[in-house]
Amino acid sequence: FRLDFILHTYNTTLETVKTSLAEFGEQLDISDVKDSSQKGRNFKININTEDPTIIFDVCSQFGRIRSVKVSED
């Protein structure tokens, strides 16, 4: 599955998220998305994974998941 989503967080760095997700998928791409209307940080995350549930479980520990797109490769 190919996952594309936004993770909104307050106290997490990009490196922390990347390290936490690296073992659960391939072709991981995380970028910082600027949104001056919100406090905290938004990360745009793209990853290929066999089990989307694990990715969402890990990310939910860091903050709120939004704008989810899941596609089969």
PDB file of N, CA and C in Angstrom:
ATOM      1  N   PHE A   1       0.832  -1.186   0.000  1.00  0.00           N
ATOM      2  CA  PHE A   1       0.000   0.000   0.000  1.00  0.00           C
ATOM      3  C   PHE A   1       0.876   1.249   0.000  1.00  0.00           C
ATOM      4  N   ARG A   2       0.416   2.261  -0.676  1.00  0.00           N
ATOM      5  CA  ARG A   2       1.077   3.570  -0.666  1.00  0.00           C
ATOM      6  C   ARG A   2       0.242   4.501   0.200  1.00  0.00           C
ATOM      7  N   LEU A   3       0.848   5.051   1.244  1.00  0.00           N
ATOM      8  CA  LEU A   3       0.147   5.955   2.152  1.00  0.00           C
ATOM      9  C   LEU A   3       0.649   7.378   1.940  1.00  0.00           C
ATOM     10  N   ASP A   4      -0.271   8.314   1.880  1.00  0.00           N
ATOM     11  CA  ASP A   4       0.035   9.741   1.824  1.00  0.00           C
ATOM     12  C   ASP A   4      -0.850  10.425   2.850  1.00  0.00           C
ATOM     13  N   PHE A   5      -0.238  11.134   3.797  1.00  0.00           N
ATOM     14  CA  PHE A   5      -1.042  11.810   4.821  1.00  0.00           C
ATOM     15  C   PHE A   5      -0.251  12.924   5.481  1.00  0.00           C
ATOM     16  N   ILE A   6      -0.967  13.721   6.246  1.00  0.00           N
ATOM     17  CA  ILE A   6      -0.364  14.812   7.024  1.00  0.00           C
ATOM     18  C   ILE A   6      -0.419  14.423   8.504  1.00  0.00           C
ATOM     19  N   LEU A   7       0.700  14.595   9.187  1.00  0.00           N
ATOM     20  CA  LEU A   7       0.762  14.385  10.633  1.00  0.00           C
ATOM     21  C   LEU A   7       0.944  15.741  11.291  1.00  0.00           C
ATOM     22  N   HIS A   8      -0.018  16.129  12.118  1.00  0.00           N
ATOM     23  CA  HIS A   8       0.066  17.398  12.857  1.00  0.00           C
ATOM     24  C   HIS A   8       0.540  17.085  14.266  1.00  0.00           C
ATOM     25  N   THR A   9       1.636  17.718  14.667  1.00  0.00           N
ATOM     26  CA  THR A   9       2.245  17.419  15.959  1.00  0.00           C
ATOM     27  C   THR A   9       2.741  18.693  16.641  1.00  0.00           C
ATOM     28  N   TYR A  10       2.976  18.598  17.936  1.00  0.00           N
ATOM     29  CA  TYR A  10       3.447  19.756  18.704  1.00  0.00           C
ATOM     30  C   TYR A  10       4.877  19.613  19.198  1.00  0.00           C
ATOM     31  N   ASN A  11       5.265  18.416  19.622  1.00  0.00           N
ATOM     32  CA  ASN A  11       6.557  18.261  20.291  1.00  0.00           C
ATOM     33  C   ASN A  11       7.443  17.215  19.639  1.00  0.00           C
ATOM     34  N   THR A  12       7.363  17.083  18.335  1.00  0.00           N
ATOM     35  CA  THR A  12       8.100  16.023  17.659  1.00  0.00           C
ATOM     36  C   THR A  12       8.932  16.596  16.520  1.00  0.00           C
ATOM     37  N   THR A  13      10.124  16.044  16.345  1.00  0.00           N
ATOM     38  CA  THR A  13      10.975  16.467  15.235  1.00  0.00           C
ATOM     39  C   THR A  13      10.769  15.550  14.038  1.00  0.00           C
ATOM     40  N   LEU A  14      11.152  16.044  12.888  1.00  0.00           N
ATOM     41  CA  LEU A  14      11.069  15.256  11.667  1.00  0.00           C
ATOM     42  C   LEU A  14      11.909  13.985  11.804  1.00  0.00           C
ATOM     43  N   GLU A  15      13.083  14.100  12.382  1.00  0.00           N
ATOM     44  CA  GLU A  15      13.963  12.943  12.541  1.00  0.00           C
ATOM     45  C   GLU A  15      13.343  11.866  13.435  1.00  0.00           C
ATOM     46  N   THR A  16      12.648  12.276  14.484  1.00  0.00           N
ATOM     47  CA  THR A  16      12.003  11.316  15.382  1.00  0.00           C
ATOM     48  C   THR A  16      10.949  10.512  14.638  1.00  0.00           C
ATOM     49  N   VAL A  17      10.130  11.189  13.846  1.00  0.00           N
ATOM     50  CA  VAL A  17       9.087  10.508  13.083  1.00  0.00           C
ATOM     51  C   VAL A  17       9.723   9.567  12.066  1.00  0.00           C
ATOM     52  N   LYS A  18      10.732  10.062  11.365  1.00  0.00           N
ATOM     53  CA  LYS A  18      11.396   9.260  10.332  1.00  0.00           C
ATOM     54  C   LYS A  18      12.008   7.986  10.928  1.00  0.00           C
ATOM     55  N   THR A  19      12.690   8.125  12.055  1.00  0.00           N
ATOM     56  CA  THR A  19      13.310   6.975  12.709  1.00  0.00           C
ATOM     57  C   THR A  19      12.265   5.959  13.160  1.00  0.00           C
ATOM     58  N   SER A  20      11.146   6.447  13.661  1.00  0.00           N
ATOM     59  CA  SER A  20      10.091   5.562  14.155  1.00  0.00           C
ATOM     60  C   SER A  20       9.410   4.774  13.046  1.00  0.00           C
ATOM     61  N   LEU A  21       9.323   5.362  11.847  1.00  0.00           N
ATOM     62  CA  LEU A  21       8.614   4.718  10.737  1.00  0.00           C
ATOM     63  C   LEU A  21       9.514   3.885   9.826  1.00  0.00           C
ATOM     64  N   ALA A  22      10.800   4.136   9.850  1.00  0.00           N
ATOM     65  CA  ALA A  22      11.722   3.535   8.876  1.00  0.00           C
ATOM     66  C   ALA A  22      11.631   2.013   8.811  1.00  0.00           C
ATOM     67  N   GLU A  23      11.472   1.360   9.950  1.00  0.00           N
ATOM     68  CA  GLU A  23      11.471  -0.110   9.952  1.00  0.00           C
ATOM     69  C   GLU A  23      10.161  -0.721   9.446  1.00  0.00           C
ATOM     70  N   PHE A  24       9.124   0.083   9.275  1.00  0.00           N
ATOM     71  CA  PHE A  24       7.800  -0.450   8.917  1.00  0.00           C
ATOM     72  C   PHE A  24       7.430  -0.252   7.450  1.00  0.00           C
ATOM     73  N   GLY A  25       8.313   0.344   6.667  1.00  0.00           N
ATOM     74  CA  GLY A  25       7.964   0.570   5.276  1.00  0.00           C
ATOM     75  C   GLY A  25       9.167   0.914   4.422  1.00  0.00           C
ATOM     76  N   GLU A  26       8.894   1.165   3.148  1.00  0.00           N
ATOM     77  CA  GLU A  26       9.941   1.508   2.195  1.00  0.00           C
ATOM     78  C   GLU A  26       9.599   2.823   1.495  1.00  0.00           C
ATOM     79  N   GLN A  27      10.602   3.411   0.885  1.00  0.00           N
ATOM     80  CA  GLN A  27      10.439   4.663   0.155  1.00  0.00           C
ATOM     81  C   GLN A  27       9.769   5.731   1.025  1.00  0.00           C
ATOM     82  N   LEU A  28      10.275   5.867   2.224  1.00  0.00           N
ATOM     83  CA  LEU A  28       9.748   6.847   3.178  1.00  0.00           C
ATOM     84  C   LEU A  28      10.203   8.241   2.799  1.00  0.00           C
ATOM     85  N   ASP A  29       9.249   9.147   2.694  1.00  0.00           N
ATOM     86  CA  ASP A  29       9.543  10.538   2.394  1.00  0.00           C
ATOM     87  C   ASP A  29       8.736  11.412   3.346  1.00  0.00           C
ATOM     88  N   ILE A  30       9.433  12.241   4.117  1.00  0.00           N
ATOM     89  CA  ILE A  30       8.758  13.145   5.058  1.00  0.00           C
ATOM     90  C   ILE A  30       9.236  14.557   4.787  1.00  0.00           C
ATOM     91  N   SER A  31       8.292  15.473   4.694  1.00  0.00           N
ATOM     92  CA  SER A  31       8.662  16.880   4.515  1.00  0.00           C
ATOM     93  C   SER A  31       7.854  17.753   5.464  1.00  0.00           C
ATOM     94  N   ASP A  32       8.471  18.859   5.842  1.00  0.00           N
ATOM     95  CA  ASP A  32       7.839  19.823   6.742  1.00  0.00           C
ATOM     96  C   ASP A  32       6.914  20.714   5.908  1.00  0.00           C
ATOM     97  N   VAL A  33       5.641  20.819   6.311  1.00  0.00           N
ATOM     98  CA  VAL A  33       4.678  21.646   5.588  1.00  0.00           C
ATOM     99  C   VAL A  33       4.349  22.859   6.449  1.00  0.00           C
ATOM    100  N   LYS A  34       4.597  24.023   5.911  1.00  0.00           N
ATOM    101  CA  LYS A  34       4.344  25.259   6.670  1.00  0.00           C
ATOM    102  C   LYS A  34       2.851  25.593   6.671  1.00  0.00           C
ATOM    103  N   ASP A  35       2.326  25.897   7.846  1.00  0.00           N
ATOM    104  CA  ASP A  35       0.942  26.342   7.983  1.00  0.00           C
ATOM    105  C   ASP A  35       0.893  27.342   9.131  1.00  0.00           C
ATOM    106  N   SER A  36       0.950  28.612   8.797  1.00  0.00           N
ATOM    107  CA  SER A  36       1.034  29.651   9.828  1.00  0.00           C
ATOM    108  C   SER A  36      -0.266  29.822  10.611  1.00  0.00           C
ATOM    109  N   SER A  37      -1.348  29.209  10.139  1.00  0.00           N
ATOM    110  CA  SER A  37      -2.630  29.336  10.840  1.00  0.00           C
ATOM    111  C   SER A  37      -2.747  28.358  12.008  1.00  0.00           C
ATOM    112  N   GLN A  38      -1.785  27.443  12.143  1.00  0.00           N
ATOM    113  CA  GLN A  38      -1.846  26.463  13.225  1.00  0.00           C
ATOM    114  C   GLN A  38      -0.564  26.491  14.040  1.00  0.00           C
ATOM    115  N   LYS A  39      -0.693  26.181  15.324  1.00  0.00           N
ATOM    116  CA  LYS A  39       0.487  25.993  16.153  1.00  0.00           C
ATOM    117  C   LYS A  39       0.962  24.564  15.942  1.00  0.00           C
ATOM    118  N   GLY A  40       2.231  24.331  16.222  1.00  0.00           N
ATOM    119  CA  GLY A  40       2.781  23.000  16.018  1.00  0.00           C
ATOM    120  C   GLY A  40       3.362  22.875  14.626  1.00  0.00           C
ATOM    121  N   ARG A  41       3.592  21.638  14.226  1.00  0.00           N
ATOM    122  CA  ARG A  41       4.198  21.367  12.921  1.00  0.00           C
ATOM    123  C   ARG A  41       3.366  20.360  12.151  1.00  0.00           C
ATOM    124  N   ASN A  42       3.407  20.486  10.842  1.00  0.00           N
ATOM    125  CA  ASN A  42       2.752  19.523   9.962  1.00  0.00           C
ATOM    126  C   ASN A  42       3.822  18.824   9.129  1.00  0.00           C
ATOM    127  N   PHE A  43       3.770  17.507   9.111  1.00  0.00           N
ATOM    128  CA  PHE A  43       4.673  16.715   8.286  1.00  0.00           C
ATOM    129  C   PHE A  43       3.860  15.997   7.225  1.00  0.00           C
ATOM    130  N   LYS A  44       4.267  16.131   5.971  1.00  0.00           N
ATOM    131  CA  LYS A  44       3.657  15.369   4.889  1.00  0.00           C
ATOM    132  C   LYS A  44       4.446  14.074   4.780  1.00  0.00           C
ATOM    133  N   ILE A  45       3.744  12.950   4.909  1.00  0.00           N
ATOM    134  CA  ILE A  45       4.404  11.648   4.945  1.00  0.00           C
ATOM    135  C   ILE A  45       3.919  10.784   3.789  1.00  0.00           C
ATOM    136  N   ASN A  46       4.877  10.206   3.081  1.00  0.00           N
ATOM    137  CA  ASN A  46       4.608   9.244   2.007  1.00  0.00           C
ATOM    138  C   ASN A  46       5.426   7.997   2.323  1.00  0.00           C
ATOM    139  N   ILE A  47       4.780   6.828   2.296  1.00  0.00           N
ATOM    140  CA  ILE A  47       5.493   5.588   2.600  1.00  0.00           C
ATOM    141  C   ILE A  47       4.782   4.404   1.948  1.00  0.00           C
ATOM    142  N   ASN A  48       5.572   3.439   1.522  1.00  0.00           N
ATOM    143  CA  ASN A  48       5.022   2.163   1.050  1.00  0.00           C
ATOM    144  C   ASN A  48       5.125   1.169   2.193  1.00  0.00           C
ATOM    145  N   THR A  49       4.033   0.456   2.469  1.00  0.00           N
ATOM    146  CA  THR A  49       4.031  -0.475   3.588  1.00  0.00           C
ATOM    147  C   THR A  49       3.103  -1.655   3.325  1.00  0.00           C
ATOM    148  N   GLU A  50       3.395  -2.766   3.967  1.00  0.00           N
ATOM    149  CA  GLU A  50       2.525  -3.938   3.888  1.00  0.00           C
ATOM    150  C   GLU A  50       1.338  -3.791   4.844  1.00  0.00           C
ATOM    151  N   ASP A  51       1.540  -3.023   5.930  1.00  0.00           N
ATOM    152  CA  ASP A  51       0.529  -2.917   6.982  1.00  0.00           C
ATOM    153  C   ASP A  51       0.289  -1.459   7.384  1.00  0.00           C
ATOM    154  N   PRO A  52      -0.677  -0.795   6.728  1.00  0.00           N
ATOM    155  CA  PRO A  52      -0.960   0.611   7.055  1.00  0.00           C
ATOM    156  C   PRO A  52      -1.318   0.847   8.523  1.00  0.00           C
ATOM    157  N   THR A  53      -1.923  -0.136   9.165  1.00  0.00           N
ATOM    158  CA  THR A  53      -2.343   0.015  10.562  1.00  0.00           C
ATOM    159  C   THR A  53      -1.165   0.345  11.473  1.00  0.00           C
ATOM    160  N   ILE A  54      -0.036  -0.310  11.257  1.00  0.00           N
ATOM    161  CA  ILE A  54       1.146  -0.058  12.090  1.00  0.00           C
ATOM    162  C   ILE A  54       1.621   1.381  11.910  1.00  0.00           C
ATOM    163  N   ILE A  55       1.639   1.851  10.673  1.00  0.00           N
ATOM    164  CA  ILE A  55       2.079   3.224  10.398  1.00  0.00           C
ATOM    165  C   ILE A  55       1.182   4.223  11.126  1.00  0.00           C
ATOM    166  N   PHE A  56      -0.132   4.021  11.025  1.00  0.00           N
ATOM    167  CA  PHE A  56      -1.065   4.943  11.675  1.00  0.00           C
ATOM    168  C   PHE A  56      -0.982   4.848  13.197  1.00  0.00           C
ATOM    169  N   ASP A  57      -0.754   3.648  13.737  1.00  0.00           N
ATOM    170  CA  ASP A  57      -0.592   3.488  15.188  1.00  0.00           C
ATOM    171  C   ASP A  57       0.625   4.255  15.691  1.00  0.00           C
ATOM    172  N   VAL A  58       1.736   4.131  14.984  1.00  0.00           N
ATOM    173  CA  VAL A  58       2.959   4.831  15.377  1.00  0.00           C
ATOM    174  C   VAL A  58       2.753   6.344  15.305  1.00  0.00           C
ATOM    175  N   CYS A  59       2.184   6.818  14.204  1.00  0.00           N
ATOM    176  CA  CYS A  59       1.996   8.262  14.014  1.00  0.00           C
ATOM    177  C   CYS A  59       0.991   8.852  14.998  1.00  0.00           C
ATOM    178  N   SER A  60       0.001   8.078  15.379  1.00  0.00           N
ATOM    179  CA  SER A  60      -1.003   8.599  16.312  1.00  0.00           C
ATOM    180  C   SER A  60      -0.399   8.892  17.685  1.00  0.00           C
ATOM    181  N   GLN A  61       0.741   8.308  17.992  1.00  0.00           N
ATOM    182  CA  GLN A  61       1.426   8.604  19.252  1.00  0.00           C
ATOM    183  C   GLN A  61       2.062   9.989  19.228  1.00  0.00           C
ATOM    184  N   PHE A  62       2.311  10.512  18.035  1.00  0.00           N
ATOM    185  CA  PHE A  62       2.957  11.823  17.891  1.00  0.00           C
ATOM    186  C   PHE A  62       1.968  12.964  17.736  1.00  0.00           C
ATOM    187  N   GLY A  63       0.770  12.663  17.231  1.00  0.00           N
ATOM    188  CA  GLY A  63      -0.184  13.740  16.988  1.00  0.00           C
ATOM    189  C   GLY A  63      -1.383  13.264  16.196  1.00  0.00           C
ATOM    190  N   ARG A  64      -1.983  14.193  15.463  1.00  0.00           N
ATOM    191  CA  ARG A  64      -3.226  13.913  14.727  1.00  0.00           C
ATOM    192  C   ARG A  64      -2.927  13.658  13.253  1.00  0.00           C
ATOM    193  N   ILE A  65      -3.558  12.645  12.705  1.00  0.00           N
ATOM    194  CA  ILE A  65      -3.381  12.279  11.307  1.00  0.00           C
ATOM    195  C   ILE A  65      -4.521  12.876  10.492  1.00  0.00           C
ATOM    196  N   ARG A  66      -4.170  13.516   9.369  1.00  0.00           N
ATOM    197  CA  ARG A  66      -5.194  14.142   8.509  1.00  0.00           C
ATOM    198  C   ARG A  66      -4.889  13.878   7.045  1.00  0.00           C
ATOM    199  N   SER A  67      -5.884  14.163   6.212  1.00  0.00           N
ATOM    200  CA  SER A  67      -5.724  14.107   4.750  1.00  0.00           C
ATOM    201  C   SER A  67      -5.116  12.789   4.285  1.00  0.00           C
ATOM    202  N   VAL A  68      -5.709  11.695   4.709  1.00  0.00           N
ATOM    203  CA  VAL A  68      -5.173  10.373   4.407  1.00  0.00           C
ATOM    204  C   VAL A  68      -5.600   9.900   3.008  1.00  0.00           C
ATOM    205  N   LYS A  69      -4.610   9.403   2.270  1.00  0.00           N
ATOM    206  CA  LYS A  69      -4.863   8.747   0.982  1.00  0.00           C
ATOM    207  C   LYS A  69      -4.138   7.414   1.007  1.00  0.00           C
ATOM    208  N   VAL A  70      -4.869   6.346   0.738  1.00  0.00           N
ATOM    209  CA  VAL A  70      -4.279   5.021   0.693  1.00  0.00           C
ATOM    210  C   VAL A  70      -4.534   4.443  -0.692  1.00  0.00           C
ATOM    211  N   SER A  71      -3.479   3.974  -1.341  1.00  0.00           N
ATOM    212  CA  SER A  71      -3.638   3.360  -2.660  1.00  0.00           C
ATOM    213  C   SER A  71      -2.845   2.063  -2.707  1.00  0.00           C
ATOM    214  N   GLU A  72      -3.333   1.130  -3.503  1.00  0.00           N
ATOM    215  CA  GLU A  72      -2.619  -0.125  -3.665  1.00  0.00           C
ATOM    216  C   GLU A  72      -1.626   0.015  -4.802  1.00  0.00           C
ATOM    217  N   ASP A  73      -0.433  -0.517  -4.580  1.00  0.00           N
ATOM    218  CA  ASP A  73       0.594  -0.462  -5.628  1.00  0.00           C
ATOM    219  C   ASP A  73       0.373  -1.547  -6.653  1.00  0.00           C
TER     220      ASP A  73
END
